[in-house]
Amino acid sequence: MARFSFRLPDIGEGISEAEIVGWHVKIGDRVEEDQPLADMMTDKATVELESPVSGVVVELAGEAGDQVAIGSMLVLIETDEATEAVADAAGEAAAVETIVAETPGEAVIADVVPASDLPVRSVEPEPAPEHKGIDTAKVLASPAVRARAKELGVDLSQVKPSGDHIRHADLDAFLLYGVGQGYRPAGRVPARADEAVKVIGMRRRIAENMAASKRHIPHFTYVEEIDVTKLEAMRGDLNDGRGERPKLTLLPLLIVAICKVLPDFPMINARYDDEAGVVTRHGAVHLGMATQTDAGLMVPVIREAQDRNVWQLATEIGRLADAARSGKAKSEELSGSTLTVTSLGPLGGIATTPVINRPEVAIIGPNRIVERPVFRDGVVAAAKLMNLSISCDHRVVDGWDAARFVQALKKLLENPVLLFAD
């Protein structure tokens, strides 16, 4: 018999270890060459590893969430076709059961033992306590109370009267505190069972990055209200004549404004290496775009955003979002951003205090657009308003500079013709 030790390869990102996100196989499984074995996570990319040989899996390096060093054994595969011993072992494992003894309010996991060694016992269920109800016809209540109880589905035999007969106040008290047959009082929801969810993969990486960002960066957030009435009208006109081009959302227009303003505010488009004590102010705008996926928050990067027009930005936004959500985004598409925009779309809320994507020094968050009355030259008019938030690293960006940057954005967004002016 021959055994092949499949070692975790160097994925080419200069890493020393990778995390097991999930297994496609288990011990005893037959695998063929090029069949997926496991999903491994590096920095922000998940890589699917395939088997280089055919055979039977006899050992796995760990479980989801474990870290595996580059070059160490990931999967041990029995490559000999005669795998009777492995099959027998798998058969024995299948005969093993986990005994769960349940007591009121808790579940105790017992030792794992072979099923053949288990004692056989018969447990008779305890009879339900006998319920001696009151004949509803004998309950003293007015016709109005009876009609109301019938409408609500309440069994009057379950209602305790405060006097010699049931009144509306007694029925109200029952509705608030009592439990009738087939009736649940308003506001009461059955409790869900506790659920333990292991924090692994992308969710663990997000948790680590967010904790590091809040731990190392002194955040401050500035919020300004922007009248986007003209911008929304122009966006509608552009969409009406877009032809085969993608439909514009607010985001491409906001990115154009950001790129036009940034040359006057180089401290915003920067990355801070706090260990080296160096701030790098970037000339090109590599814009991170926070994207919600099933695996968690990912930040694909629009390279050289300053060189793209509004239609090219819309196309790239759609492409990167689809790649991130489908898990097909490349490693280089998920790193190297110099500034990030995060938007919750229609869930944008009144204001946000976004967490900076370290080692960047700022993150911009547009919020939901709402229509409200405003005064214009003493006359009340309808306007489409949006709050714009920016969180900055106070070690690098002063509050005055952040405010001036947002005011410059406000001027462009409220006079959108300036977005296309040289």
Protein backbone atom coordinates (compact mmCIF):
# COMPACT_ATOMS: atom_id res chain seq x y z
CA MET A 1 0.00 0.00 0.00
CA ALA A 2 1.19 3.52 -0.81
CA ARG A 3 0.26 6.67 1.01
CA PHE A 4 0.54 10.14 -0.47
CA SER A 5 0.92 13.12 1.85
CA PHE A 6 -0.59 16.19 0.18
CA ARG A 7 1.20 19.14 1.74
CA LEU A 8 -0.17 22.68 1.79
CA PRO A 9 1.54 24.40 -1.15
CA ASP A 10 2.95 27.93 -1.19
CA ILE A 11 0.06 29.84 -2.73
CA GLY A 12 2.47 32.59 -3.77
CA GLU A 13 1.47 35.40 -1.41
CA GLY A 14 4.44 35.25 0.96
CA ILE A 15 2.36 33.68 3.73
CA SER A 16 3.49 31.18 6.34
CA GLU A 17 0.12 29.56 7.02
CA ALA A 18 -3.47 29.41 5.80
CA GLU A 19 -6.80 28.78 7.48
CA ILE A 20 -9.07 25.82 6.74
CA VAL A 21 -12.39 27.36 5.70
CA GLY A 22 -14.13 24.10 4.82
CA TRP A 23 -13.57 20.51 3.74
CA HIS A 24 -15.00 18.95 0.58
CA VAL A 25 -14.04 15.45 1.80
CA LYS A 26 -13.98 13.40 5.00
CA ILE A 27 -11.96 10.44 6.22
CA GLY A 28 -12.91 7.30 4.29
CA ASP A 29 -14.03 9.20 1.17
CA ARG A 30 -12.82 8.06 -2.22
CA VAL A 31 -11.31 10.99 -4.18
CA GLU A 32 -10.28 11.26 -7.78
CA GLU A 33 -7.46 13.31 -9.24
CA ASP A 34 -8.36 17.03 -9.52
CA GLN A 35 -11.29 16.59 -7.13
CA PRO A 36 -11.64 19.50 -4.65
CA LEU A 37 -10.27 18.71 -1.20
CA ALA A 38 -10.50 21.90 0.86
CA ASP A 39 -11.04 25.66 0.79
CA MET A 40 -8.10 27.54 2.31
CA MET A 41 -8.08 31.24 3.19
CA THR A 42 -5.04 33.48 2.95
CA ASP A 43 -5.28 37.23 3.54
CA LYS A 44 -8.67 37.93 2.01
CA ALA A 45 -8.87 35.37 -0.76
CA THR A 46 -10.18 31.82 -0.51
CA VAL A 47 -8.36 29.20 -2.60
CA GLU A 48 -9.81 25.82 -3.53
CA LEU A 49 -7.19 23.05 -3.42
CA GLU A 50 -7.57 19.93 -5.55
CA SER A 51 -6.21 16.42 -5.09
CA PRO A 52 -3.17 15.58 -7.24
CA VAL A 53 -3.86 11.84 -6.92
CA SER A 54 -6.71 9.34 -6.67
CA GLY A 55 -7.29 7.27 -3.58
CA VAL A 56 -8.99 7.15 -0.18
CA VAL A 57 -8.68 9.87 2.45
CA VAL A 58 -7.17 8.47 5.64
CA GLU A 59 -6.23 11.64 7.55
CA LEU A 60 -7.09 15.34 7.57
CA ALA A 61 -4.96 18.11 9.07
CA GLY A 62 -7.70 19.62 11.20
CA GLU A 63 -11.16 21.13 11.16
CA ALA A 64 -12.62 24.37 9.84
CA GLY A 65 -10.98 27.32 11.56
CA ASP A 66 -7.61 25.64 12.15
CA GLN A 67 -4.41 27.14 10.79
CA VAL A 68 -2.09 24.94 8.68
CA ALA A 69 1.55 25.87 8.03
CA ILE A 70 2.83 26.01 4.46
CA GLY A 71 4.54 22.72 3.63
CA SER A 72 2.83 20.67 6.34
CA MET A 73 0.49 17.74 5.69
CA LEU A 74 -3.01 18.79 4.70
CA VAL A 75 -4.52 15.48 3.54
CA LEU A 76 -3.11 11.94 3.71
CA ILE A 77 -4.39 9.76 0.87
CA GLU A 78 -4.11 5.96 0.51
CA THR A 79 -3.34 5.58 -3.19
CA ASP A 80 -3.47 1.74 -3.32
CA GLU A 81 -6.75 0.55 -4.84
CA ALA A 82 -6.88 -2.24 -2.24
CA THR A 83 -8.25 -0.17 0.65
CA GLU A 84 -10.10 -2.84 2.56
CA ALA A 85 -8.55 -1.84 5.86
CA VAL A 86 -9.55 1.78 5.39
CA ALA A 87 -13.05 0.76 4.38
CA ASP A 88 -13.33 -1.44 7.48
CA ALA A 89 -12.21 1.45 9.66
CA ALA A 90 -14.79 3.70 8.05
CA GLY A 91 -17.43 1.03 8.66
CA GLU A 92 -16.52 0.84 12.32
CA ALA A 93 -16.69 4.61 12.61
CA ALA A 94 -20.18 4.52 11.14
CA ALA A 95 -21.25 2.21 13.97
CA VAL A 96 -20.30 4.76 16.58
CA GLU A 97 -23.02 6.86 18.12
CA THR A 98 -22.99 9.89 20.38
CA ILE A 99 -25.27 9.50 23.36
CA VAL A 100 -27.13 12.64 24.36
CA ALA A 101 -28.82 12.62 27.75
CA GLU A 102 -31.32 15.44 28.03
CA THR A 103 -32.40 16.90 31.33
CA PRO A 104 -34.67 19.89 31.88
CA GLY A 105 -32.83 23.02 30.74
CA GLU A 106 -29.61 21.34 29.58
CA ALA A 107 -28.13 18.77 27.19
CA VAL A 108 -25.19 16.63 28.31
CA ILE A 109 -22.93 15.01 25.71
CA ALA A 110 -21.82 11.59 26.95
CA ASP A 111 -18.70 9.65 25.95
CA VAL A 112 -18.63 8.22 22.45
CA VAL A 113 -19.09 4.44 22.58
CA PRO A 114 -19.77 1.71 19.99
CA ALA A 115 -23.48 1.25 19.36
CA SER A 116 -23.21 -2.50 20.04
CA ASP A 117 -22.10 -1.77 23.64
CA LEU A 118 -25.09 0.40 24.46
CA PRO A 119 -27.55 -0.90 27.07
CA VAL A 120 -31.08 -1.33 25.83
CA ARG A 121 -33.74 0.29 27.90
CA SER A 122 -37.33 1.21 27.46
CA VAL A 123 -38.47 4.58 28.67
CA GLU A 124 -42.15 5.08 29.25
CA PRO A 125 -43.23 8.68 28.72
CA GLU A 126 -44.85 10.23 31.76
CA PRO A 127 -48.57 10.71 31.30
CA ALA A 128 -49.63 14.28 30.80
CA PRO A 129 -51.32 15.77 33.84
CA GLU A 130 -55.06 15.49 33.65
CA HIS A 131 -56.68 18.81 32.89
CA LYS A 132 -60.02 19.37 34.53
CA GLY A 133 -61.49 22.30 32.69
CA ILE A 134 -64.66 24.15 33.43
CA ASP A 135 -67.61 23.78 31.15
CA THR A 136 -67.69 27.00 29.18
CA ALA A 137 -71.44 26.99 29.30
CA LYS A 138 -71.29 27.16 33.12
CA VAL A 139 -68.92 30.15 33.17
CA LEU A 140 -70.65 33.32 34.31
CA ALA A 141 -70.08 36.09 31.75
CA SER A 142 -72.18 38.65 29.92
CA PRO A 143 -73.12 38.10 26.26
CA ALA A 144 -70.75 40.93 25.27
CA VAL A 145 -67.81 39.30 27.07
CA ARG A 146 -68.67 35.91 25.52
CA ALA A 147 -68.83 37.43 22.03
CA ARG A 148 -65.50 39.19 22.49
CA ALA A 149 -63.84 36.03 23.85
CA LYS A 150 -65.15 34.05 20.88
CA GLU A 151 -63.83 36.64 18.45
CA LEU A 152 -60.39 36.46 20.09
CA GLY A 153 -60.36 32.68 20.29
CA VAL A 154 -60.15 32.66 24.09
CA ASP A 155 -61.55 29.76 26.14
CA LEU A 156 -63.43 31.43 28.98
CA SER A 157 -62.93 28.37 31.18
CA GLN A 158 -59.25 29.40 31.36
CA VAL A 159 -60.00 32.95 32.52
CA LYS A 160 -59.95 33.61 36.26
CA PRO A 161 -62.74 36.00 37.32
CA SER A 162 -62.01 38.77 39.82
CA GLY A 163 -65.53 38.55 41.15
CA ASP A 164 -68.57 36.35 40.76
CA HIS A 165 -68.43 36.50 36.98
CA ILE A 166 -65.96 37.28 34.18
CA ARG A 167 -65.77 40.91 33.16
CA HIS A 168 -63.96 42.67 30.30
CA ALA A 169 -61.18 43.61 32.76
CA ASP A 170 -60.64 39.92 33.55
CA LEU A 171 -60.46 39.15 29.83
CA ASP A 172 -57.94 41.99 29.36
CA ALA A 173 -55.78 40.63 32.17
CA PHE A 174 -55.85 37.18 30.61
CA LEU A 175 -54.84 38.60 27.24
CA LEU A 176 -51.86 40.30 28.88
CA TYR A 177 -50.64 37.60 31.23
CA GLY A 178 -52.43 34.33 30.67
CA VAL A 179 -52.04 31.62 28.05
CA GLY A 180 -55.24 30.27 26.55
CA GLN A 181 -55.87 27.23 24.42
CA GLY A 182 -54.32 27.96 21.05
CA TYR A 183 -53.82 31.62 21.89
CA ARG A 184 -50.62 33.58 22.50
CA PRO A 185 -50.95 37.01 24.09
CA ALA A 186 -49.67 39.92 22.03
CA GLY A 187 -45.98 40.67 22.46
CA ARG A 188 -44.99 37.19 23.56
CA VAL A 189 -42.60 35.29 21.27
CA PRO A 190 -41.32 31.77 21.93
CA ALA A 191 -37.64 31.67 22.83
CA ARG A 192 -35.21 30.30 20.26
CA ALA A 193 -32.64 27.73 21.18
CA ASP A 194 -29.12 29.06 21.78
CA GLU A 195 -26.78 28.61 18.81
CA ALA A 196 -22.99 28.50 18.98
CA VAL A 197 -21.42 29.75 15.74
CA LYS A 198 -17.69 29.25 15.28
CA VAL A 199 -15.98 32.42 14.03
CA ILE A 200 -13.82 31.19 11.16
CA GLY A 201 -12.79 32.11 7.65
CA MET A 202 -13.81 35.51 6.32
CA ARG A 203 -15.82 36.34 9.44
CA ARG A 204 -12.78 35.81 11.68
CA ARG A 205 -10.57 37.86 9.34
CA ILE A 206 -13.12 40.70 9.39
CA ALA A 207 -13.26 40.55 13.20
CA GLU A 208 -9.46 40.70 13.47
CA ASN A 209 -9.16 43.58 11.00
CA MET A 210 -11.93 45.63 12.60
CA ALA A 211 -10.52 45.09 16.10
CA ALA A 212 -7.04 46.13 14.93
CA SER A 213 -8.44 49.22 13.23
CA LYS A 214 -10.33 50.40 16.30
CA ARG A 215 -7.45 49.48 18.60
CA HIS A 216 -4.77 51.35 16.65
CA ILE A 217 -6.65 54.22 14.98
CA PRO A 218 -8.18 57.18 16.87
CA HIS A 219 -11.31 57.65 14.74
CA PHE A 220 -13.39 60.77 14.32
CA THR A 221 -16.44 61.13 12.08
CA TYR A 222 -17.77 64.22 10.32
CA VAL A 223 -21.28 64.29 8.77
CA GLU A 224 -22.72 66.85 6.36
CA GLU A 225 -26.11 67.13 4.66
CA ILE A 226 -26.04 67.43 0.87
CA ASP A 227 -28.87 68.47 -1.45
CA VAL A 228 -28.68 65.94 -4.31
CA THR A 229 -31.85 67.09 -6.09
CA LYS A 230 -29.97 68.28 -9.20
CA LEU A 231 -27.62 65.29 -9.07
CA GLU A 232 -30.52 62.84 -9.04
CA ALA A 233 -32.20 64.68 -11.93
CA MET A 234 -28.98 64.51 -13.95
CA ARG A 235 -28.54 60.83 -13.08
CA GLY A 236 -32.05 60.17 -14.40
CA ASP A 237 -31.26 61.98 -17.65
CA LEU A 238 -28.02 60.02 -18.07
CA ASN A 239 -29.82 56.73 -17.49
CA ASP A 240 -32.53 57.61 -19.99
CA GLY A 241 -29.90 57.87 -22.71
CA ARG A 242 -27.48 55.18 -21.55
CA GLY A 243 -28.23 52.69 -24.34
CA GLU A 244 -26.30 49.46 -23.71
CA ARG A 245 -24.27 50.97 -20.90
CA PRO A 246 -24.94 49.96 -17.24
CA LYS A 247 -27.52 51.84 -15.22
CA LEU A 248 -25.95 54.54 -13.08
CA THR A 249 -26.35 54.57 -9.32
CA LEU A 250 -25.17 57.43 -7.14
CA LEU A 251 -21.84 55.70 -6.45
CA PRO A 252 -20.05 56.34 -9.80
CA LEU A 253 -20.96 60.03 -9.61
CA LEU A 254 -19.71 60.23 -6.03
CA ILE A 255 -16.42 58.59 -7.07
CA VAL A 256 -15.97 61.15 -9.87
CA ALA A 257 -16.44 63.92 -7.31
CA ILE A 258 -13.97 62.29 -4.89
CA CYS A 259 -11.31 61.96 -7.59
CA LYS A 260 -11.72 65.59 -8.67
CA VAL A 261 -11.38 66.89 -5.10
CA LEU A 262 -8.57 64.65 -3.79
CA PRO A 263 -5.63 66.49 -5.44
CA ASP A 264 -6.32 69.41 -3.08
CA PHE A 265 -6.50 67.05 -0.06
CA PRO A 266 -3.59 64.60 -0.40
CA MET A 267 -3.78 63.74 3.32
CA ILE A 268 -7.10 61.90 2.65
CA ASN A 269 -5.83 59.56 -0.08
CA ALA A 270 -3.08 58.05 2.06
CA ARG A 271 -1.88 54.99 3.97
CA TYR A 272 -0.18 55.17 7.37
CA ASP A 273 2.49 52.65 8.34
CA ASP A 274 2.41 53.35 12.06
CA GLU A 275 5.23 50.90 12.82
CA ALA A 276 7.61 52.70 10.45
CA GLY A 277 6.11 56.11 11.24
CA VAL A 278 5.57 56.89 7.52
CA VAL A 279 2.49 58.32 5.78
CA THR A 280 2.38 57.67 2.04
CA ARG A 281 0.23 60.15 0.15
CA HIS A 282 -0.81 58.42 -3.05
CA GLY A 283 -1.12 60.21 -6.38
CA ALA A 284 -3.38 57.57 -7.96
CA VAL A 285 -6.77 56.77 -6.46
CA HIS A 286 -7.16 53.04 -5.85
CA LEU A 287 -10.67 53.12 -4.44
CA GLY A 288 -11.84 50.34 -2.13
CA MET A 289 -15.52 49.49 -2.45
CA ALA A 290 -16.96 47.79 0.65
CA THR A 291 -19.16 44.95 -0.63
CA GLN A 292 -21.45 42.70 1.40
CA THR A 293 -21.19 39.00 0.45
CA ASP A 294 -22.49 35.75 1.91
CA ALA A 295 -19.04 35.20 3.42
CA GLY A 296 -18.92 38.68 4.96
CA LEU A 297 -17.64 42.13 4.05
CA MET A 298 -15.06 42.26 1.25
CA VAL A 299 -13.33 45.31 -0.27
CA PRO A 300 -12.57 44.92 -3.99
CA VAL A 301 -10.47 47.77 -5.43
CA ILE A 302 -11.13 50.02 -8.42
CA ARG A 303 -7.63 50.66 -9.77
CA GLU A 304 -6.76 54.11 -11.13
CA ALA A 305 -10.27 55.38 -10.46
CA GLN A 306 -9.21 58.92 -11.42
CA ASP A 307 -8.69 57.81 -15.04
CA ARG A 308 -12.17 56.33 -15.52
CA ASN A 309 -15.31 58.12 -16.65
CA VAL A 310 -18.66 57.62 -14.99
CA TRP A 311 -19.70 54.76 -17.31
CA GLN A 312 -16.40 52.95 -16.90
CA LEU A 313 -16.73 53.28 -13.13
CA ALA A 314 -20.25 51.84 -13.22
CA THR A 315 -19.02 48.86 -15.28
CA GLU A 316 -16.08 48.20 -12.96
CA ILE A 317 -18.25 48.50 -9.86
CA GLY A 318 -20.62 45.86 -11.22
CA ARG A 319 -17.79 43.55 -12.28
CA LEU A 320 -15.96 43.70 -8.97
CA ALA A 321 -19.14 43.32 -6.90
CA ASP A 322 -20.12 40.21 -8.87
CA ALA A 323 -16.62 38.76 -8.52
CA ALA A 324 -16.59 39.35 -4.76
CA ARG A 325 -20.05 37.87 -4.20
CA SER A 326 -19.33 34.81 -6.34
CA GLY A 327 -15.95 34.22 -4.66
CA LYS A 328 -14.08 34.72 -7.93
CA ALA A 329 -12.28 37.94 -7.01
CA LYS A 330 -8.52 37.64 -7.40
CA SER A 331 -6.14 38.43 -4.57
CA GLU A 332 -4.82 41.54 -6.32
CA GLU A 333 -8.39 42.79 -6.69
CA LEU A 334 -8.86 42.67 -2.92
CA SER A 335 -5.81 44.61 -1.77
CA GLY A 336 -3.93 47.87 -2.24
CA SER A 337 -6.76 50.38 -1.80
CA THR A 338 -5.81 53.93 -0.81
CA LEU A 339 -9.30 55.14 0.18
CA THR A 340 -12.58 53.27 0.72
CA VAL A 341 -16.23 54.06 0.11
CA THR A 342 -18.88 52.13 2.02
CA SER A 343 -22.58 52.35 1.21
CA LEU A 344 -25.60 50.50 2.57
CA GLY A 345 -27.76 51.58 -0.37
CA PRO A 346 -31.45 51.87 0.58
CA LEU A 347 -30.55 50.79 4.16
CA GLY A 348 -28.15 53.73 4.46
CA GLY A 349 -29.79 55.28 7.51
CA ILE A 350 -29.51 58.87 8.67
CA ALA A 351 -25.77 58.81 9.39
CA THR A 352 -22.98 56.27 9.73
CA THR A 353 -19.68 56.14 11.60
CA PRO A 354 -17.74 53.71 9.36
CA VAL A 355 -14.60 51.97 10.58
CA ILE A 356 -11.43 52.81 8.63
CA ASN A 357 -9.97 50.12 6.40
CA ARG A 358 -6.48 50.03 7.97
CA PRO A 359 -3.82 51.13 6.96
CA GLU A 360 -5.86 53.73 5.06
CA VAL A 361 -6.60 56.97 6.90
CA ALA A 362 -10.17 57.71 5.77
CA ILE A 363 -13.42 56.05 4.70
CA ILE A 364 -16.45 57.76 3.12
CA GLY A 365 -20.05 56.67 3.66
CA PRO A 366 -23.00 58.05 1.69
CA ASN A 367 -26.33 57.57 3.46
CA ARG A 368 -29.91 57.13 2.31
CA ILE A 369 -31.49 59.80 0.11
CA VAL A 370 -34.74 61.18 1.55
CA GLU A 371 -37.15 63.78 0.20
CA ARG A 372 -37.95 66.58 2.63
CA PRO A 373 -39.28 70.16 2.48
CA VAL A 374 -36.67 72.92 2.48
CA PHE A 375 -36.76 76.71 2.29
CA ARG A 376 -35.48 78.22 -0.96
CA ASP A 377 -35.65 82.01 -1.18
CA GLY A 378 -38.35 82.01 1.46
CA VAL A 379 -40.47 79.42 -0.37
CA VAL A 380 -40.99 75.83 0.77
CA ALA A 381 -39.88 73.32 -1.85
CA ALA A 382 -39.27 69.57 -2.03
CA ALA A 383 -35.62 68.51 -2.00
CA LYS A 384 -33.73 65.22 -2.11
CA LEU A 385 -31.25 65.24 0.75
CA MET A 386 -28.45 62.87 1.70
CA ASN A 387 -26.06 62.87 4.62
CA LEU A 388 -22.45 62.11 3.79
CA SER A 389 -20.18 60.67 6.51
CA ILE A 390 -16.40 60.51 6.62
CA SER A 391 -14.33 58.77 9.30
CA CYS A 392 -10.66 59.78 9.55
CA ASP A 393 -7.51 58.78 11.37
CA HIS A 394 -6.94 61.73 13.70
CA ARG A 395 -3.20 61.01 13.80
CA VAL A 396 -2.97 61.95 10.12
CA VAL A 397 -6.07 63.98 9.23
CA ASP A 398 -7.19 67.08 11.14
CA GLY A 399 -10.87 67.76 11.64
CA TRP A 400 -10.54 71.03 9.70
CA ASP A 401 -9.15 69.22 6.65
CA ALA A 402 -11.87 66.55 6.77
CA ALA A 403 -14.57 69.23 6.95
CA ARG A 404 -13.07 71.20 4.04
CA PHE A 405 -12.81 68.01 1.97
CA VAL A 406 -16.50 67.19 2.51
CA GLN A 407 -17.51 70.79 1.77
CA ALA A 408 -15.61 70.57 -1.53
CA LEU A 409 -17.51 67.35 -2.33
CA LYS A 410 -20.76 69.07 -1.37
CA LYS A 411 -20.13 71.88 -3.86
CA LEU A 412 -19.63 69.43 -6.73
CA LEU A 413 -22.55 67.16 -5.80
CA GLU A 414 -24.97 70.06 -5.40
CA ASN A 415 -23.81 71.54 -8.74
CA PRO A 416 -23.30 68.35 -10.74
CA VAL A 417 -22.49 70.10 -14.01
CA LEU A 418 -19.09 70.81 -12.40
CA LEU A 419 -18.39 67.05 -12.35
CA PHE A 420 -17.92 67.12 -16.10
CA ALA A 421 -16.16 70.48 -16.32
CA ASP A 422 -12.40 70.68 -16.81
